[in-house]
């Protein structure tokens, strides 16, 4: 496996997905019959990409098992036990996703073993841990992208809560005001996410009434109202008051660490993460919600969200900084007369063209592939050097 190859990638169809964004990217008819939520590019066993070999489409994990060093590179193959360590996605959210968090590596191993011991099938809808890996992730906006990410500063959170001031939560709000720290936040969040139905109805009634009067002051109130329309009766609609509301402009990105409560609200983006599908949900979803496990893994600290912009690495390539060991996200832009030349010392790479047209040439093997909008390729580490020329924008996933 020593040549650049086209990847055929599976699509995930979830209710919150878009009927236009991913089909348009792939040059398919729109609107689609089903909501296209995620395009998976990688080797996760639940939905692996495929490569044409000897006239047949073969799963990428099978090819990596056969040629780990040639595909991954010696360093990556040794460090990650012959497995592709990242999962690359295009995500298209026409409606908000669930409020959720991802486990640490230790928590993932423990949770996976625990659910296995309970005999819960891997494909079961009431399973939280589908593998034993953690899932640090980065999302980069292709369109204006709204999200919730991490708990607000305690002072901002209290200000938001007092603005809606639901009497049914007066005791909990007073306790948080008296203890504006991680322990106080843990008690407050645990209390509201486990409210009994009568108190939940009263809280939401008063909160929605107050939010309707405050929509001009802060986008958080607008999101409370939008979430209420889509998930009436779910206490998660108050999440924008507790979490940082983030708007990413195209090209901007943010990093999500383990235990960080978050939700993607609207937009199309590139997502890159460790090769895992572990999601612990707390609400705003018809999928399985595991509140006790969410409370166990959450990081109850206030946070400020750093908006990431790519830093120039070489002619035509800029990278987004994170502390993830499994992945590195970069963007390659080529123009007529200004090709991109890859470094010779590199790991495995997966690239997707999101705009324009270009060609990629293996400078040693001589093979050339045409790249159009939606084309996705795998560049094995065994390809010594390649050149991309044309006029296009590509996002690249690699191993640091």
Protein backbone atom coordinates (compact mmCIF):
# COMPACT_ATOMS: atom_id res chain seq x y z
CA UNK A 1 0.00 0.00 0.00
CA UNK A 2 2.32 2.69 -1.27
CA UNK A 3 0.17 4.99 -3.35
CA UNK A 4 -2.26 7.86 -2.88
CA UNK A 5 -5.81 6.51 -3.02
CA UNK A 6 -9.38 7.80 -3.16
CA UNK A 7 -11.41 7.06 -0.03
CA UNK A 8 -15.06 6.04 -0.15
CA UNK A 9 -16.59 7.25 3.11
CA UNK A 10 -19.74 6.24 5.01
CA UNK A 11 -22.45 8.75 5.91
CA UNK A 12 -24.30 8.83 9.23
CA UNK A 13 -27.98 9.79 9.04
CA UNK A 14 -29.22 11.44 12.23
CA UNK A 15 -32.34 13.55 12.76
CA UNK A 16 -30.32 16.72 13.39
CA UNK A 17 -28.46 16.47 10.07
CA UNK A 18 -28.80 18.60 6.95
CA UNK A 19 -30.58 17.62 3.73
CA UNK A 20 -28.24 19.81 1.68
CA UNK A 21 -24.75 20.46 3.11
CA UNK A 22 -23.06 17.05 2.75
CA UNK A 23 -24.90 16.11 -0.47
CA UNK A 24 -23.80 19.42 -2.03
CA UNK A 25 -20.20 18.79 -0.93
CA UNK A 26 -20.29 15.35 -2.55
CA UNK A 27 -22.03 16.56 -5.72
CA UNK A 28 -25.21 14.63 -4.99
CA UNK A 29 -28.82 15.75 -5.62
CA UNK A 30 -30.38 18.05 -3.04
CA UNK A 31 -32.40 18.09 -0.95
CA UNK A 32 -31.67 14.52 0.07
CA UNK A 33 -34.37 12.15 1.30
CA UNK A 34 -32.58 11.59 4.60
CA UNK A 35 -30.75 14.08 6.82
CA UNK A 36 -27.01 13.69 6.23
CA UNK A 37 -25.40 14.40 9.61
CA UNK A 38 -21.79 13.17 9.43
CA UNK A 39 -19.32 11.99 6.80
CA UNK A 40 -16.82 9.66 8.48
CA UNK A 41 -13.28 9.48 7.10
CA UNK A 42 -11.13 6.93 8.89
CA UNK A 43 -10.90 3.43 10.28
CA UNK A 44 -13.41 3.29 13.12
CA UNK A 45 -14.89 -0.24 13.16
CA UNK A 46 -18.48 1.09 13.28
CA UNK A 47 -18.13 2.87 9.93
CA UNK A 48 -14.77 2.45 8.17
CA UNK A 49 -13.75 4.14 4.94
CA UNK A 50 -12.88 1.95 1.97
CA UNK A 51 -10.17 1.93 -0.70
CA UNK A 52 -10.28 0.30 -4.13
CA UNK A 53 -7.68 -2.48 -4.23
CA UNK A 54 -7.46 -4.98 -7.11
CA UNK A 55 -10.88 -3.94 -8.34
CA UNK A 56 -12.64 -4.32 -4.98
CA UNK A 57 -13.51 -1.82 -2.24
CA UNK A 58 -11.71 -2.94 0.92
CA UNK A 59 -12.13 -1.57 4.48
CA UNK A 60 -9.33 0.73 5.59
CA UNK A 61 -8.79 -1.06 8.95
CA UNK A 62 -8.13 -4.30 7.07
CA UNK A 63 -5.54 -2.60 4.87
CA UNK A 64 -3.85 -0.96 7.87
CA UNK A 65 -3.65 -4.35 9.61
CA UNK A 66 -1.91 -5.69 6.52
CA UNK A 67 0.48 -2.75 5.95
CA UNK A 68 0.70 -0.80 9.24
CA UNK A 69 4.14 0.76 8.70
CA UNK A 70 3.59 1.57 5.02
CA UNK A 71 0.28 3.33 5.72
CA UNK A 72 0.76 4.83 9.18
CA UNK A 73 4.53 5.34 9.21
CA UNK A 74 6.94 3.65 11.62
CA UNK A 75 6.55 6.12 14.52
CA UNK A 76 2.74 6.22 14.39
CA UNK A 77 2.42 2.45 13.94
CA UNK A 78 4.57 1.82 17.03
CA UNK A 79 2.96 4.52 19.18
CA UNK A 80 -0.65 3.57 18.39
CA UNK A 81 -0.28 -0.22 18.13
CA UNK A 82 -0.78 -0.37 14.38
CA UNK A 83 -4.08 1.56 14.44
CA UNK A 84 -5.11 4.84 12.84
CA UNK A 85 -5.35 7.09 15.90
CA UNK A 86 -7.80 9.69 14.57
CA UNK A 87 -11.27 9.95 13.08
CA UNK A 88 -11.96 12.73 10.56
CA UNK A 89 -15.49 14.00 9.87
CA UNK A 90 -17.60 16.54 8.08
CA UNK A 91 -20.46 17.48 10.41
CA UNK A 92 -23.64 19.22 9.21
CA UNK A 93 -25.99 20.34 11.99
CA UNK A 94 -29.32 21.72 10.82
CA UNK A 95 -30.63 21.31 14.37
CA UNK A 96 -28.86 21.23 17.75
CA UNK A 97 -27.05 18.10 18.88
CA UNK A 98 -27.32 16.72 22.40
CA UNK A 99 -25.58 18.23 25.40
CA UNK A 100 -22.74 15.79 25.95
CA UNK A 101 -19.21 15.15 27.10
CA UNK A 102 -16.47 12.65 26.27
CA UNK A 103 -14.54 10.54 28.78
CA UNK A 104 -10.85 10.55 29.57
CA UNK A 105 -8.77 7.58 28.48
CA UNK A 106 -8.99 5.99 31.95
CA UNK A 107 -12.76 6.58 32.13
CA UNK A 108 -13.25 5.13 28.64
CA UNK A 109 -11.36 1.94 29.47
CA UNK A 110 -13.31 1.51 32.72
CA UNK A 111 -16.67 2.30 31.13
CA UNK A 112 -16.10 0.01 28.16
CA UNK A 113 -15.11 -2.88 30.42
CA UNK A 114 -18.07 -2.23 32.73
CA UNK A 115 -20.66 -2.26 29.94
CA UNK A 116 -19.04 -5.36 28.45
CA UNK A 117 -19.31 -7.13 31.80
CA UNK A 118 -23.01 -6.21 31.92
CA UNK A 119 -23.48 -7.91 28.56
CA UNK A 120 -24.69 -4.78 26.76
CA UNK A 121 -24.19 -5.35 23.01
CA UNK A 122 -21.89 -2.87 21.23
CA UNK A 123 -24.73 -1.95 18.90
CA UNK A 124 -27.27 -1.46 21.70
CA UNK A 125 -29.03 1.92 21.82
CA UNK A 126 -28.58 2.08 25.61
CA UNK A 127 -24.80 1.88 25.51
CA UNK A 128 -22.52 4.86 26.28
CA UNK A 129 -19.09 3.27 25.69
CA UNK A 130 -18.59 1.78 22.22
CA UNK A 131 -14.80 1.52 22.45
CA UNK A 132 -12.07 1.98 25.07
CA UNK A 133 -10.55 5.17 23.70
CA UNK A 134 -10.87 8.78 24.80
CA UNK A 135 -12.16 11.44 22.42
CA UNK A 136 -10.44 14.81 22.50
CA UNK A 137 -11.73 16.66 19.47
CA UNK A 138 -11.45 19.81 17.40
CA UNK A 139 -14.13 21.43 15.26
CA UNK A 140 -13.38 23.94 12.50
CA UNK A 141 -16.17 25.96 10.90
CA UNK A 142 -16.90 25.76 7.18
CA UNK A 143 -19.97 27.98 7.64
CA UNK A 144 -20.93 30.19 10.61
CA UNK A 145 -21.04 27.62 13.41
CA UNK A 146 -22.83 27.99 16.76
CA UNK A 147 -21.95 25.83 19.76
CA UNK A 148 -21.97 25.55 23.53
CA UNK A 149 -18.63 24.70 25.09
CA UNK A 150 -17.71 24.49 28.76
CA UNK A 151 -19.25 26.09 31.82
CA UNK A 152 -19.37 29.88 31.93
CA UNK A 153 -17.57 31.90 34.54
CA UNK A 154 -19.51 31.49 37.77
CA UNK A 155 -20.30 35.22 37.91
CA UNK A 156 -21.72 35.18 34.35
CA UNK A 157 -23.72 32.04 35.10
CA UNK A 158 -25.27 33.60 38.19
CA UNK A 159 -26.11 36.74 36.24
CA UNK A 160 -27.89 34.66 33.59
CA UNK A 161 -29.79 32.63 36.17
CA UNK A 162 -30.93 35.74 38.02
CA UNK A 163 -32.11 37.22 34.72
CA UNK A 164 -34.61 34.36 34.30
CA UNK A 165 -35.05 33.94 38.09
CA UNK A 166 -37.34 30.88 38.21
CA UNK A 167 -38.76 30.68 41.77
CA UNK A 168 -38.64 26.87 41.65
CA UNK A 169 -34.81 27.09 41.55
CA UNK A 170 -34.37 29.83 44.14
CA UNK A 171 -32.83 27.48 46.72
CA UNK A 172 -30.32 26.03 44.24
CA UNK A 173 -29.39 29.47 42.87
CA UNK A 174 -28.78 30.79 46.41
CA UNK A 175 -26.54 27.82 47.15
CA UNK A 176 -24.51 28.43 43.96
CA UNK A 177 -24.23 32.12 44.83
CA UNK A 178 -22.90 31.20 48.25
CA UNK A 179 -20.51 28.59 46.82
CA UNK A 180 -19.32 29.83 43.39
CA UNK A 181 -16.82 27.02 42.95
CA UNK A 182 -16.58 23.54 41.45
CA UNK A 183 -18.36 21.87 44.36
CA UNK A 184 -21.18 24.39 44.22
CA UNK A 185 -21.53 23.98 40.47
CA UNK A 186 -21.57 20.20 40.81
CA UNK A 187 -24.43 20.41 43.33
CA UNK A 188 -26.34 22.96 41.23
CA UNK A 189 -26.01 21.13 37.92
CA UNK A 190 -26.78 17.76 39.52
CA UNK A 191 -29.93 19.25 41.08
CA UNK A 192 -31.36 20.79 37.93
CA UNK A 193 -30.59 17.89 35.60
CA UNK A 194 -32.42 15.53 37.99
CA UNK A 195 -35.42 17.77 38.81
CA UNK A 196 -38.73 16.00 39.35
CA UNK A 197 -41.36 16.67 36.71
CA UNK A 198 -43.48 19.25 38.65
CA UNK A 199 -40.45 21.42 39.48
CA UNK A 200 -39.08 21.01 35.97
CA UNK A 201 -42.35 22.24 34.42
CA UNK A 202 -42.47 25.26 36.73
CA UNK A 203 -38.81 26.07 36.09
CA UNK A 204 -39.16 25.89 32.33
CA UNK A 205 -42.40 27.88 32.31
CA UNK A 206 -40.84 30.78 34.18
CA UNK A 207 -37.49 30.55 32.38
CA UNK A 208 -39.08 30.64 28.91
CA UNK A 209 -41.27 33.58 29.89
CA UNK A 210 -38.21 35.51 31.09
CA UNK A 211 -36.10 34.50 28.09
CA UNK A 212 -38.71 35.91 25.72
CA UNK A 213 -38.15 39.32 27.32
CA UNK A 214 -34.36 39.07 27.18
CA UNK A 215 -33.67 38.04 23.60
CA UNK A 216 -32.15 41.38 22.66
CA UNK A 217 -29.62 41.30 25.46
CA UNK A 218 -27.73 38.09 24.77
CA UNK A 219 -27.86 35.33 22.11
CA UNK A 220 -28.07 32.80 24.95
CA UNK A 221 -31.73 33.71 25.47
CA UNK A 222 -32.50 33.21 21.78
CA UNK A 223 -30.95 29.76 21.95
CA UNK A 224 -32.99 28.92 25.05
CA UNK A 225 -36.14 29.70 23.07
CA UNK A 226 -35.00 27.75 20.00
CA UNK A 227 -34.08 24.72 22.08
CA UNK A 228 -37.43 24.92 23.87
CA UNK A 229 -39.27 24.74 20.52
CA UNK A 230 -37.32 21.63 19.51
CA UNK A 231 -37.12 19.93 22.92
CA UNK A 232 -40.08 21.14 25.02
CA UNK A 233 -39.96 19.82 28.54
CA UNK A 234 -36.21 19.09 28.47
CA UNK A 235 -34.30 20.93 31.20
CA UNK A 236 -31.34 20.98 28.80
CA UNK A 237 -32.91 24.01 27.10
CA UNK A 238 -31.33 26.06 29.91
CA UNK A 239 -27.83 25.00 28.81
CA UNK A 240 -27.04 28.28 26.99
CA UNK A 241 -27.35 30.07 30.34
CA UNK A 242 -24.82 27.76 31.99
CA UNK A 243 -22.36 27.17 29.12
CA UNK A 244 -20.31 29.45 26.92
CA UNK A 245 -22.18 30.33 23.72
CA UNK A 246 -19.62 30.31 20.89
CA UNK A 247 -19.95 31.44 17.30
CA UNK A 248 -17.16 30.31 14.98
CA UNK A 249 -16.69 32.10 11.69
CA UNK A 250 -15.49 30.03 8.70
CA UNK A 251 -11.86 29.02 9.27
CA UNK A 252 -12.04 29.40 13.05
CA UNK A 253 -11.80 26.35 15.31
CA UNK A 254 -12.04 25.27 18.94
CA UNK A 255 -10.71 22.33 20.94
CA UNK A 256 -12.78 20.20 23.33
CA UNK A 257 -10.99 18.30 26.07
CA UNK A 258 -12.23 15.34 28.12
CA UNK A 259 -15.07 16.12 30.52
CA UNK A 260 -16.02 19.35 28.77
CA UNK A 261 -19.80 19.73 28.55
CA UNK A 262 -20.76 20.94 25.08
CA UNK A 263 -23.30 20.89 22.27
CA UNK A 264 -23.13 21.83 18.61
CA UNK A 265 -26.11 24.00 17.76
CA UNK A 266 -25.98 24.88 14.07
CA UNK A 267 -23.57 24.93 11.15
CA UNK A 268 -21.25 22.88 8.97
CA UNK A 269 -17.76 22.06 10.15
CA UNK A 270 -14.73 19.83 9.89
CA UNK A 271 -14.31 17.65 12.97
CA UNK A 272 -11.16 15.79 13.97
CA UNK A 273 -10.88 13.59 17.03
CA UNK A 274 -9.21 10.58 18.55
CA UNK A 275 -10.57 7.40 16.95
CA UNK A 276 -13.55 6.95 19.27
CA UNK A 277 -17.34 7.08 19.30
CA UNK A 278 -17.81 7.46 23.05
CA UNK A 279 -20.50 10.04 23.81
CA UNK A 280 -22.11 10.55 27.24
CA UNK A 281 -25.36 12.49 26.76
CA UNK A 282 -27.36 14.53 29.25
CA UNK A 283 -30.31 15.80 27.23
CA UNK A 284 -31.63 17.51 24.08
CA UNK A 285 -31.78 14.23 22.21
CA UNK A 286 -34.01 11.23 21.51
CA UNK A 287 -30.89 9.05 21.92
CA UNK A 288 -29.79 7.31 25.08
CA UNK A 289 -29.18 9.70 27.99
CA UNK A 290 -26.97 8.60 30.88
CA UNK A 291 -27.15 11.33 33.51
CA UNK A 292 -25.34 9.45 36.33
CA UNK A 293 -22.38 8.69 34.05
CA UNK A 294 -22.34 12.25 32.72
CA UNK A 295 -22.18 13.63 36.25
CA UNK A 296 -19.33 11.23 37.00
CA UNK A 297 -17.09 12.32 34.12
CA UNK A 298 -17.86 16.06 33.91
CA UNK A 299 -15.29 18.72 34.67
CA UNK A 300 -17.12 21.24 36.90
CA UNK A 301 -14.85 24.22 36.36
CA UNK A 302 -15.48 27.55 34.69
CA UNK A 303 -13.76 28.01 31.36
CA UNK A 304 -12.96 30.60 28.75
CA UNK A 305 -12.99 29.31 25.19
CA UNK A 306 -10.01 30.10 23.02
CA UNK A 307 -10.92 30.58 19.38
CA UNK A 308 -8.22 29.01 17.21
CA UNK A 309 -6.98 30.30 13.89
CA UNK A 310 -4.46 28.39 11.77
CA UNK A 311 -0.77 29.22 12.02
CA UNK A 312 1.31 29.17 8.85
CA UNK A 313 3.60 26.13 8.61
CA UNK A 314 4.89 26.26 5.05
CA UNK A 315 3.92 27.60 1.67
CA UNK A 316 0.21 26.86 1.37
CA UNK A 317 -0.29 25.03 4.69
CA UNK A 318 -1.50 26.34 8.04
CA UNK A 319 -2.18 24.25 11.17
CA UNK A 320 -4.43 24.51 14.22
CA UNK A 321 -2.68 24.08 17.56
CA UNK A 322 -3.84 21.56 20.17
CA UNK A 323 -2.24 19.25 22.71
CA UNK A 324 -3.76 16.12 21.16
CA UNK A 325 -1.27 13.32 20.56
CA UNK A 326 -3.50 11.52 18.07
CA UNK A 327 -4.17 14.20 15.48
CA UNK A 328 -3.23 17.45 13.84
CA UNK A 329 -5.61 19.52 11.70
CA UNK A 330 -4.31 21.75 8.96
CA UNK A 331 -5.66 23.55 5.91
CA UNK A 332 -3.94 23.64 2.54
CA UNK A 333 -4.70 26.38 0.05
CA UNK A 334 -3.28 26.27 -3.48
CA UNK A 335 -3.58 28.82 -6.24
CA UNK A 336 -2.58 28.81 -9.89
CA UNK A 337 1.20 28.96 -10.07
CA UNK A 338 1.60 28.35 -6.31
CA UNK A 339 1.62 24.58 -5.68
CA UNK A 340 1.91 22.89 -2.30
CA UNK A 341 4.90 20.61 -1.77
CA UNK A 342 4.64 18.09 1.06
CA UNK A 343 7.47 17.49 3.52
CA UNK A 344 9.27 14.17 3.12
CA UNK A 345 9.13 13.25 6.82
CA UNK A 346 5.43 12.74 7.44
CA UNK A 347 2.85 10.32 8.81
CA UNK A 348 -0.37 9.05 7.29
CA UNK A 349 -2.66 11.79 6.01
CA UNK A 350 -6.33 12.01 5.07
CA UNK A 351 -7.43 15.02 3.04
CA UNK A 352 -10.76 16.31 1.77
CA UNK A 353 -11.19 19.02 -0.85
CA UNK A 354 -13.88 21.48 0.28
CA UNK A 355 -13.52 24.05 -2.48
CA UNK A 356 -12.11 24.30 -6.01
CA UNK A 357 -10.20 21.83 -8.16
CA UNK A 358 -6.63 20.54 -8.00
CA UNK A 359 -4.41 17.58 -8.73
CA UNK A 360 -2.14 15.64 -6.40
CA UNK A 361 0.99 13.98 -7.79
CA UNK A 362 3.18 11.35 -6.18
CA UNK A 363 6.60 12.75 -7.09
CA UNK A 364 8.35 9.40 -6.80
CA UNK A 365 5.69 7.01 -8.07
CA UNK A 366 4.37 9.37 -10.71
CA UNK A 367 0.66 8.71 -10.05
CA UNK A 368 -1.63 11.76 -10.32
CA UNK A 369 -5.19 12.06 -9.02
CA UNK A 370 -7.70 14.81 -9.78
CA UNK A 371 -9.27 16.44 -6.75
CA UNK A 372 -12.71 18.04 -6.88
CA UNK A 373 -14.98 19.42 -4.19
CA UNK A 374 -15.85 16.46 -1.96
CA UNK A 375 -12.92 14.26 -3.07
CA UNK A 376 -11.23 12.54 -0.13
CA UNK A 377 -7.83 10.86 -0.33
CA UNK A 378 -5.51 8.78 1.84
CA UNK A 379 -1.80 9.52 1.54
CA UNK A 380 0.18 6.66 3.10
CA UNK A 381 3.40 7.49 4.92
CA UNK A 382 5.23 5.35 2.33
CA UNK A 383 4.54 8.03 -0.30
CA UNK A 384 7.80 9.93 -0.02
CA UNK A 385 6.64 13.31 -1.32
CA UNK A 386 3.72 14.72 -3.25
CA UNK A 387 2.69 17.98 -4.89
CA UNK A 388 -0.76 19.59 -5.04
CA UNK A 389 -1.45 22.19 -7.70
CA UNK A 390 -4.51 23.97 -8.99
CA UNK A 391 -6.91 26.26 -7.15
CA UNK A 392 -8.46 24.61 -4.14
CA UNK A 393 -8.84 24.42 -0.35
CA UNK A 394 -8.24 21.12 1.42
CA UNK A 395 -8.42 20.12 5.06
CA UNK A 396 -5.83 17.60 6.20
CA UNK A 397 -5.75 15.23 9.16
CA UNK A 398 -2.40 13.78 10.18
CA UNK A 399 -0.51 12.41 13.19
CA UNK A 400 1.78 14.95 14.92
